[in-house]
Amino acid sequence: MIDPKDLLFIVLALCAIWCTAFFCWLLYQVIIVVRGLNVLLREVKLQFERIERLIAGMKTKFETSTTHLGEMAEHLKAAVKSGIKNIK
């Protein structure tokens, strides 16, 4: 016949198996979530790098265009002054 102590050990063994299975499943789910976050953060980082390159490119274009506009303004000012001198 089954002794109550043996029955207790069988129940404890089954509980240990179920707890182990639950913790393995829980660990698997945590790993999947962390992996998803890692992929998401990698994509966000790439997007920020693209935006940073875009802004840097726009900055260089604005800097070169402002120097060109300054030169054009100087030439226009000189042309207007020489035009006014020719009219008088």
PDB file of N, CA and C in Angstrom:
ATOM      1  N   MET A   1       0.832  -1.166   0.000  1.00  0.00           N
ATOM      2  CA  MET A   1       0.000   0.000   0.000  1.00  0.00           C
ATOM      3  C   MET A   1       0.888   1.243   0.000  1.00  0.00           C
ATOM      4  N   ILE A   2       0.321   2.354  -0.457  1.00  0.00           N
ATOM      5  CA  ILE A   2       1.089   3.594  -0.535  1.00  0.00           C
ATOM      6  C   ILE A   2       1.046   4.287   0.821  1.00  0.00           C
ATOM      7  N   ASP A   3       2.219   4.534   1.288  1.00  0.00           N
ATOM      8  CA  ASP A   3       2.378   5.233   2.560  1.00  0.00           C
ATOM      9  C   ASP A   3       2.064   6.721   2.346  1.00  0.00           C
ATOM     10  N   PRO A   4       1.466   7.441   3.298  1.00  0.00           N
ATOM     11  CA  PRO A   4       1.188   8.871   3.119  1.00  0.00           C
ATOM     12  C   PRO A   4       2.445   9.684   2.851  1.00  0.00           C
ATOM     13  N   LYS A   5       3.557   9.234   3.389  1.00  0.00           N
ATOM     14  CA  LYS A   5       4.814   9.932   3.135  1.00  0.00           C
ATOM     15  C   LYS A   5       5.216   9.784   1.669  1.00  0.00           C
ATOM     16  N   ASP A   6       5.020   8.602   1.079  1.00  0.00           N
ATOM     17  CA  ASP A   6       5.323   8.374  -0.342  1.00  0.00           C
ATOM     18  C   ASP A   6       4.398   9.220  -1.224  1.00  0.00           C
ATOM     19  N   LEU A   7       3.138   9.297  -0.834  1.00  0.00           N
ATOM     20  CA  LEU A   7       2.182  10.102  -1.580  1.00  0.00           C
ATOM     21  C   LEU A   7       2.595  11.580  -1.543  1.00  0.00           C
ATOM     22  N   LEU A   8       3.056  12.043  -0.402  1.00  0.00           N
ATOM     23  CA  LEU A   8       3.538  13.416  -0.277  1.00  0.00           C
ATOM     24  C   LEU A   8       4.717  13.662  -1.207  1.00  0.00           C
ATOM     25  N   PHE A   9       5.660  12.729  -1.264  1.00  0.00           N
ATOM     26  CA  PHE A   9       6.816  12.882  -2.137  1.00  0.00           C
ATOM     27  C   PHE A   9       6.423  12.871  -3.613  1.00  0.00           C
ATOM     28  N   ILE A  10       5.427  12.061  -3.973  1.00  0.00           N
ATOM     29  CA  ILE A  10       4.949  12.035  -5.367  1.00  0.00           C
ATOM     30  C   ILE A  10       4.313  13.382  -5.720  1.00  0.00           C
ATOM     31  N   VAL A  11       3.487  13.909  -4.829  1.00  0.00           N
ATOM     32  CA  VAL A  11       2.848  15.207  -5.077  1.00  0.00           C
ATOM     33  C   VAL A  11       3.899  16.314  -5.144  1.00  0.00           C
ATOM     34  N   LEU A  12       4.871  16.284  -4.257  1.00  0.00           N
ATOM     35  CA  LEU A  12       5.935  17.287  -4.302  1.00  0.00           C
ATOM     36  C   LEU A  12       6.749  17.183  -5.587  1.00  0.00           C
ATOM     37  N   ALA A  13       7.004  15.988  -6.075  1.00  0.00           N
ATOM     38  CA  ALA A  13       7.738  15.807  -7.328  1.00  0.00           C
ATOM     39  C   ALA A  13       6.942  16.371  -8.501  1.00  0.00           C
ATOM     40  N   LEU A  14       5.639  16.120  -8.527  1.00  0.00           N
ATOM     41  CA  LEU A  14       4.797  16.666  -9.599  1.00  0.00           C
ATOM     42  C   LEU A  14       4.756  18.197  -9.533  1.00  0.00           C
ATOM     43  N   CYS A  15       4.675  18.722  -8.316  1.00  0.00           N
ATOM     44  CA  CYS A  15       4.691  20.186  -8.164  1.00  0.00           C
ATOM     45  C   CYS A  15       6.023  20.772  -8.644  1.00  0.00           C
ATOM     46  N   ALA A  16       7.112  20.088  -8.340  1.00  0.00           N
ATOM     47  CA  ALA A  16       8.424  20.557  -8.793  1.00  0.00           C
ATOM     48  C   ALA A  16       8.503  20.541 -10.310  1.00  0.00           C
ATOM     49  N   ILE A  17       7.953  19.509 -10.935  1.00  0.00           N
ATOM     50  CA  ILE A  17       7.955  19.430 -12.407  1.00  0.00           C
ATOM     51  C   ILE A  17       7.134  20.576 -12.983  1.00  0.00           C
ATOM     52  N   TRP A  18       5.938  20.826 -12.452  1.00  0.00           N
ATOM     53  CA  TRP A  18       5.087  21.892 -12.963  1.00  0.00           C
ATOM     54  C   TRP A  18       5.716  23.272 -12.733  1.00  0.00           C
ATOM     55  N   CYS A  19       6.324  23.472 -11.580  1.00  0.00           N
ATOM     56  CA  CYS A  19       6.993  24.758 -11.319  1.00  0.00           C
ATOM     57  C   CYS A  19       8.173  24.963 -12.261  1.00  0.00           C
ATOM     58  N   THR A  20       8.929  23.903 -12.509  1.00  0.00           N
ATOM     59  CA  THR A  20      10.057  23.993 -13.434  1.00  0.00           C
ATOM     60  C   THR A  20       9.575  24.329 -14.837  1.00  0.00           C
ATOM     61  N   ALA A  21       8.508  23.665 -15.274  1.00  0.00           N
ATOM     62  CA  ALA A  21       7.955  23.940 -16.604  1.00  0.00           C
ATOM     63  C   ALA A  21       7.456  25.381 -16.687  1.00  0.00           C
ATOM     64  N   PHE A  22       6.782  25.864 -15.637  1.00  0.00           N
ATOM     65  CA  PHE A  22       6.285  27.237 -15.631  1.00  0.00           C
ATOM     66  C   PHE A  22       7.425  28.242 -15.699  1.00  0.00           C
ATOM     67  N   PHE A  23       8.462  28.038 -14.914  1.00  0.00           N
ATOM     68  CA  PHE A  23       9.585  28.981 -14.916  1.00  0.00           C
ATOM     69  C   PHE A  23      10.344  28.944 -16.240  1.00  0.00           C
ATOM     70  N   CYS A  24      10.433  27.774 -16.864  1.00  0.00           N
ATOM     71  CA  CYS A  24      11.058  27.705 -18.190  1.00  0.00           C
ATOM     72  C   CYS A  24      10.240  28.488 -19.207  1.00  0.00           C
ATOM     73  N   TRP A  25       8.910  28.312 -19.158  1.00  0.00           N
ATOM     74  CA  TRP A  25       8.039  29.051 -20.071  1.00  0.00           C
ATOM     75  C   TRP A  25       8.147  30.554 -19.805  1.00  0.00           C
ATOM     76  N   LEU A  26       8.164  30.954 -18.530  1.00  0.00           N
ATOM     77  CA  LEU A  26       8.275  32.359 -18.168  1.00  0.00           C
ATOM     78  C   LEU A  26       9.603  32.941 -18.642  1.00  0.00           C
ATOM     79  N   LEU A  27      10.676  32.211 -18.469  1.00  0.00           N
ATOM     80  CA  LEU A  27      11.991  32.662 -18.927  1.00  0.00           C
ATOM     81  C   LEU A  27      12.009  32.810 -20.448  1.00  0.00           C
ATOM     82  N   TYR A  28      11.382  31.879 -21.154  1.00  0.00           N
ATOM     83  CA  TYR A  28      11.294  31.950 -22.606  1.00  0.00           C
ATOM     84  C   TYR A  28      10.542  33.217 -23.025  1.00  0.00           C
ATOM     85  N   GLN A  29       9.432  33.526 -22.366  1.00  0.00           N
ATOM     86  CA  GLN A  29       8.657  34.717 -22.703  1.00  0.00           C
ATOM     87  C   GLN A  29       9.443  35.987 -22.431  1.00  0.00           C
ATOM     88  N   VAL A  30      10.168  36.022 -21.345  1.00  0.00           N
ATOM     89  CA  VAL A  30      10.997  37.199 -21.025  1.00  0.00           C
ATOM     90  C   VAL A  30      12.073  37.383 -22.085  1.00  0.00           C
ATOM     91  N   ILE A  31      12.688  36.290 -22.508  1.00  0.00           N
ATOM     92  CA  ILE A  31      13.728  36.362 -23.542  1.00  0.00           C
ATOM     93  C   ILE A  31      13.142  36.884 -24.851  1.00  0.00           C
ATOM     94  N   ILE A  32      11.952  36.438 -25.218  1.00  0.00           N
ATOM     95  CA  ILE A  32      11.310  36.903 -26.453  1.00  0.00           C
ATOM     96  C   ILE A  32      11.023  38.409 -26.367  1.00  0.00           C
ATOM     97  N   VAL A  33      10.540  38.876 -25.225  1.00  0.00           N
ATOM     98  CA  VAL A  33      10.243  40.309 -25.063  1.00  0.00           C
ATOM     99  C   VAL A  33      11.531  41.130 -25.132  1.00  0.00           C
ATOM    100  N   VAL A  34      12.569  40.682 -24.469  1.00  0.00           N
ATOM    101  CA  VAL A  34      13.844  41.416 -24.475  1.00  0.00           C
ATOM    102  C   VAL A  34      14.434  41.436 -25.881  1.00  0.00           C
ATOM    103  N   ARG A  35      14.308  40.339 -26.604  1.00  0.00           N
ATOM    104  CA  ARG A  35      14.808  40.297 -27.988  1.00  0.00           C
ATOM    105  C   ARG A  35      14.036  41.289 -28.866  1.00  0.00           C
ATOM    106  N   GLY A  36      12.715  41.342 -28.671  1.00  0.00           N
ATOM    107  CA  GLY A  36      11.904  42.305 -29.423  1.00  0.00           C
ATOM    108  C   GLY A  36      12.306  43.733 -29.110  1.00  0.00           C
ATOM    109  N   LEU A  37      12.564  44.020 -27.848  1.00  0.00           N
ATOM    110  CA  LEU A  37      13.017  45.358 -27.472  1.00  0.00           C
ATOM    111  C   LEU A  37      14.375  45.679 -28.085  1.00  0.00           C
ATOM    112  N   ASN A  38      15.242  44.683 -28.141  1.00  0.00           N
ATOM    113  CA  ASN A  38      16.565  44.887 -28.731  1.00  0.00           C
ATOM    114  C   ASN A  38      16.439  45.231 -30.214  1.00  0.00           C
ATOM    115  N   VAL A  39      15.583  44.505 -30.923  1.00  0.00           N
ATOM    116  CA  VAL A  39      15.378  44.788 -32.347  1.00  0.00           C
ATOM    117  C   VAL A  39      14.774  46.175 -32.521  1.00  0.00           C
ATOM    118  N   LEU A  40      13.803  46.514 -31.681  1.00  0.00           N
ATOM    119  CA  LEU A  40      13.172  47.826 -31.760  1.00  0.00           C
ATOM    120  C   LEU A  40      14.174  48.944 -31.508  1.00  0.00           C
ATOM    121  N   LEU A  41      14.991  48.797 -30.490  1.00  0.00           N
ATOM    122  CA  LEU A  41      15.995  49.818 -30.193  1.00  0.00           C
ATOM    123  C   LEU A  41      17.029  49.939 -31.298  1.00  0.00           C
ATOM    124  N   ARG A  42      17.382  48.828 -31.930  1.00  0.00           N
ATOM    125  CA  ARG A  42      18.319  48.878 -33.050  1.00  0.00           C
ATOM    126  C   ARG A  42      17.717  49.676 -34.205  1.00  0.00           C
ATOM    127  N   GLU A  43      16.431  49.456 -34.491  1.00  0.00           N
ATOM    128  CA  GLU A  43      15.772  50.194 -35.561  1.00  0.00           C
ATOM    129  C   GLU A  43      15.667  51.684 -35.225  1.00  0.00           C
ATOM    130  N   VAL A  44      15.347  52.004 -33.991  1.00  0.00           N
ATOM    131  CA  VAL A  44      15.257  53.404 -33.579  1.00  0.00           C
ATOM    132  C   VAL A  44      16.625  54.070 -33.706  1.00  0.00           C
ATOM    133  N   LYS A  45      17.670  53.347 -33.319  1.00  0.00           N
ATOM    134  CA  LYS A  45      19.024  53.894 -33.436  1.00  0.00           C
ATOM    135  C   LYS A  45      19.375  54.171 -34.896  1.00  0.00           C
ATOM    136  N   LEU A  46      19.024  53.259 -35.787  1.00  0.00           N
ATOM    137  CA  LEU A  46      19.293  53.475 -37.212  1.00  0.00           C
ATOM    138  C   LEU A  46      18.523  54.686 -37.736  1.00  0.00           C
ATOM    139  N   GLN A  47      17.273  54.833 -37.304  1.00  0.00           N
ATOM    140  CA  GLN A  47      16.487  55.979 -37.756  1.00  0.00           C
ATOM    141  C   GLN A  47      17.090  57.294 -37.253  1.00  0.00           C
ATOM    142  N   PHE A  48      17.535  57.309 -36.002  1.00  0.00           N
ATOM    143  CA  PHE A  48      18.173  58.521 -35.487  1.00  0.00           C
ATOM    144  C   PHE A  48      19.468  58.821 -36.227  1.00  0.00           C
ATOM    145  N   GLU A  49      20.225  57.801 -36.583  1.00  0.00           N
ATOM    146  CA  GLU A  49      21.456  58.032 -37.349  1.00  0.00           C
ATOM    147  C   GLU A  49      21.130  58.604 -38.720  1.00  0.00           C
ATOM    148  N   ARG A  50      20.068  58.097 -39.349  1.00  0.00           N
ATOM    149  CA  ARG A  50      19.665  58.631 -40.653  1.00  0.00           C
ATOM    150  C   ARG A  50      19.232  60.090 -40.529  1.00  0.00           C
ATOM    151  N   ILE A  51      18.469  60.392 -39.491  1.00  0.00           N
ATOM    152  CA  ILE A  51      18.023  61.770 -39.277  1.00  0.00           C
ATOM    153  C   ILE A  51      19.223  62.674 -39.016  1.00  0.00           C
ATOM    154  N   GLU A  52      20.181  62.171 -38.231  1.00  0.00           N
ATOM    155  CA  GLU A  52      21.383  62.966 -37.943  1.00  0.00           C
ATOM    156  C   GLU A  52      22.168  63.253 -39.212  1.00  0.00           C
ATOM    157  N   ARG A  53      22.306  62.245 -40.091  1.00  0.00           N
ATOM    158  CA  ARG A  53      23.008  62.473 -41.361  1.00  0.00           C
ATOM    159  C   ARG A  53      22.246  63.458 -42.230  1.00  0.00           C
ATOM    160  N   LEU A  54      20.913  63.362 -42.231  1.00  0.00           N
ATOM    161  CA  LEU A  54      20.100  64.281 -43.020  1.00  0.00           C
ATOM    162  C   LEU A  54      20.276  65.714 -42.525  1.00  0.00           C
ATOM    163  N   ILE A  55      20.236  65.894 -41.228  1.00  0.00           N
ATOM    164  CA  ILE A  55      20.399  67.237 -40.664  1.00  0.00           C
ATOM    165  C   ILE A  55      21.801  67.774 -40.947  1.00  0.00           C
ATOM    166  N   ALA A  56      22.817  66.911 -40.836  1.00  0.00           N
ATOM    167  CA  ALA A  56      24.188  67.352 -41.118  1.00  0.00           C
ATOM    168  C   ALA A  56      24.316  67.749 -42.590  1.00  0.00           C
ATOM    169  N   GLY A  57      23.699  66.997 -43.485  1.00  0.00           N
ATOM    170  CA  GLY A  57      23.731  67.344 -44.901  1.00  0.00           C
ATOM    171  C   GLY A  57      23.027  68.654 -45.183  1.00  0.00           C
ATOM    172  N   MET A  58      21.874  68.841 -44.535  1.00  0.00           N
ATOM    173  CA  MET A  58      21.151  70.096 -44.713  1.00  0.00           C
ATOM    174  C   MET A  58      21.956  71.268 -44.167  1.00  0.00           C
ATOM    175  N   LYS A  59      22.651  71.041 -43.067  1.00  0.00           N
ATOM    176  CA  LYS A  59      23.462  72.107 -42.468  1.00  0.00           C
ATOM    177  C   LYS A  59      24.576  72.524 -43.419  1.00  0.00           C
ATOM    178  N   THR A  60      25.257  71.548 -44.019  1.00  0.00           N
ATOM    179  CA  THR A  60      26.332  71.902 -44.953  1.00  0.00           C
ATOM    180  C   THR A  60      25.771  72.614 -46.175  1.00  0.00           C
ATOM    181  N   LYS A  61      24.599  72.186 -46.657  1.00  0.00           N
ATOM    182  CA  LYS A  61      24.013  72.868 -47.812  1.00  0.00           C
ATOM    183  C   LYS A  61      23.626  74.301 -47.465  1.00  0.00           C
ATOM    184  N   PHE A  62      23.069  74.502 -46.273  1.00  0.00           N
ATOM    185  CA  PHE A  62      22.729  75.862 -45.865  1.00  0.00           C
ATOM    186  C   PHE A  62      23.970  76.711 -45.696  1.00  0.00           C
ATOM    187  N   GLU A  63      25.025  76.135 -45.143  1.00  0.00           N
ATOM    188  CA  GLU A  63      26.264  76.905 -44.962  1.00  0.00           C
ATOM    189  C   GLU A  63      26.841  77.316 -46.307  1.00  0.00           C
ATOM    190  N   THR A  64      26.868  76.414 -47.266  1.00  0.00           N
ATOM    191  CA  THR A  64      27.406  76.770 -48.583  1.00  0.00           C
ATOM    192  C   THR A  64      26.495  77.755 -49.298  1.00  0.00           C
ATOM    193  N   SER A  65      25.178  77.583 -49.126  1.00  0.00           N
ATOM    194  CA  SER A  65      24.272  78.516 -49.810  1.00  0.00           C
ATOM    195  C   SER A  65      24.346  79.905 -49.199  1.00  0.00           C
ATOM    196  N   THR A  66      24.561  79.990 -47.895  1.00  0.00           N
ATOM    197  CA  THR A  66      24.670  81.331 -47.294  1.00  0.00           C
ATOM    198  C   THR A  66      25.940  82.025 -47.744  1.00  0.00           C
ATOM    199  N   THR A  67      27.011  81.279 -47.918  1.00  0.00           N
ATOM    200  CA  THR A  67      28.226  81.932 -48.420  1.00  0.00           C
ATOM    201  C   THR A  67      28.013  82.392 -49.859  1.00  0.00           C
ATOM    202  N   HIS A  68      27.320  81.577 -50.661  1.00  0.00           N
ATOM    203  CA  HIS A  68      27.034  81.982 -52.034  1.00  0.00           C
ATOM    204  C   HIS A  68      26.094  83.190 -52.054  1.00  0.00           C
ATOM    205  N   LEU A  69      25.109  83.189 -51.183  1.00  0.00           N
ATOM    206  CA  LEU A  69      24.184  84.325 -51.136  1.00  0.00           C
ATOM    207  C   LEU A  69      24.906  85.591 -50.702  1.00  0.00           C
ATOM    208  N   GLY A  70      25.838  85.466 -49.774  1.00  0.00           N
ATOM    209  CA  GLY A  70      26.624  86.633 -49.353  1.00  0.00           C
ATOM    210  C   GLY A  70      27.434  87.185 -50.507  1.00  0.00           C
ATOM    211  N   GLU A  71      28.059  86.295 -51.266  1.00  0.00           N
ATOM    212  CA  GLU A  71      28.840  86.738 -52.425  1.00  0.00           C
ATOM    213  C   GLU A  71      27.936  87.375 -53.469  1.00  0.00           C
ATOM    214  N   MET A  72      26.768  86.771 -53.700  1.00  0.00           N
ATOM    215  CA  MET A  72      25.836  87.337 -54.674  1.00  0.00           C
ATOM    216  C   MET A  72      25.347  88.714 -54.230  1.00  0.00           C
ATOM    217  N   ALA A  73      25.112  88.872 -52.934  1.00  0.00           N
ATOM    218  CA  ALA A  73      24.666  90.170 -52.426  1.00  0.00           C
ATOM    219  C   ALA A  73      25.753  91.224 -52.625  1.00  0.00           C
ATOM    220  N   GLU A  74      27.002  90.851 -52.388  1.00  0.00           N
ATOM    221  CA  GLU A  74      28.110  91.799 -52.601  1.00  0.00           C
ATOM    222  C   GLU A  74      28.200  92.198 -54.066  1.00  0.00           C
ATOM    223  N   HIS A  75      28.082  91.221 -54.967  1.00  0.00           N
ATOM    224  CA  HIS A  75      28.139  91.530 -56.407  1.00  0.00           C
ATOM    225  C   HIS A  75      26.955  92.408 -56.818  1.00  0.00           C
ATOM    226  N   LEU A  76      25.790  92.123 -56.283  1.00  0.00           N
ATOM    227  CA  LEU A  76      24.605  92.906 -56.621  1.00  0.00           C
ATOM    228  C   LEU A  76      24.754  94.331 -56.102  1.00  0.00           C
ATOM    229  N   LYS A  77      25.284  94.459 -54.888  1.00  0.00           N
ATOM    230  CA  LYS A  77      25.503  95.785 -54.316  1.00  0.00           C
ATOM    231  C   LYS A  77      26.497  96.571 -55.177  1.00  0.00           C
ATOM    232  N   ALA A  78      27.564  95.913 -55.613  1.00  0.00           N
ATOM    233  CA  ALA A  78      28.557  96.581 -56.468  1.00  0.00           C
ATOM    234  C   ALA A  78      27.939  96.967 -57.805  1.00  0.00           C
ATOM    235  N   ALA A  79      27.093  96.079 -58.339  1.00  0.00           N
ATOM    236  CA  ALA A  79      26.454  96.388 -59.623  1.00  0.00           C
ATOM    237  C   ALA A  79      25.489  97.551 -59.487  1.00  0.00           C
ATOM    238  N   VAL A  80      24.760  97.590 -58.401  1.00  0.00           N
ATOM    239  CA  VAL A  80      23.827  98.689 -58.191  1.00  0.00           C
ATOM    240  C   VAL A  80      24.583  99.998 -58.006  1.00  0.00           C
ATOM    241  N   LYS A  81      25.662  99.983 -57.260  1.00  0.00           N
ATOM    242  CA  LYS A  81      26.463 101.207 -57.073  1.00  0.00           C
ATOM    243  C   LYS A  81      27.050 101.677 -58.400  1.00  0.00           C
ATOM    244  N   SER A  82      27.561 100.749 -59.177  1.00  0.00           N
ATOM    245  CA  SER A  82      28.134 101.165 -60.472  1.00  0.00           C
ATOM    246  C   SER A  82      27.034 101.620 -61.422  1.00  0.00           C
ATOM    247  N   GLY A  83      25.847 101.052 -61.311  1.00  0.00           N
ATOM    248  CA  GLY A  83      24.720 101.491 -62.148  1.00  0.00           C
ATOM    249  C   GLY A  83      24.268 102.875 -61.766  1.00  0.00           C
ATOM    250  N   ILE A  84      24.246 103.182 -60.477  1.00  0.00           N
ATOM    251  CA  ILE A  84      23.849 104.494 -60.018  1.00  0.00           C
ATOM    252  C   ILE A  84      24.893 105.539 -60.450  1.00  0.00           C
ATOM    253  N   LYS A  85      26.161 105.195 -60.412  1.00  0.00           N
ATOM    254  CA  LYS A  85      27.202 106.118 -60.840  1.00  0.00           C
ATOM    255  C   LYS A  85      27.088 106.411 -62.326  1.00  0.00           C
ATOM    256  N   ASN A  86      26.706 105.396 -63.119  1.00  0.00           N
ATOM    257  CA  ASN A  86      26.571 105.598 -64.559  1.00  0.00           C
ATOM    258  C   ASN A  86      25.351 106.447 -64.904  1.00  0.00           C
ATOM    259  N   ILE A  87      24.315 106.397 -64.064  1.00  0.00           N
ATOM    260  CA  ILE A  87      23.110 107.176 -64.339  1.00  0.00           C
ATOM    261  C   ILE A  87      23.392 108.664 -64.073  1.00  0.00           C
ATOM    262  N   LYS A  88      24.160 109.006 -63.067  1.00  0.00           N
ATOM    263  CA  LYS A  88      24.430 110.410 -62.720  1.00  0.00           C
ATOM    264  C   LYS A  88      25.329 110.980 -63.713  1.00  0.00           C
TER     265      LYS A  88
END
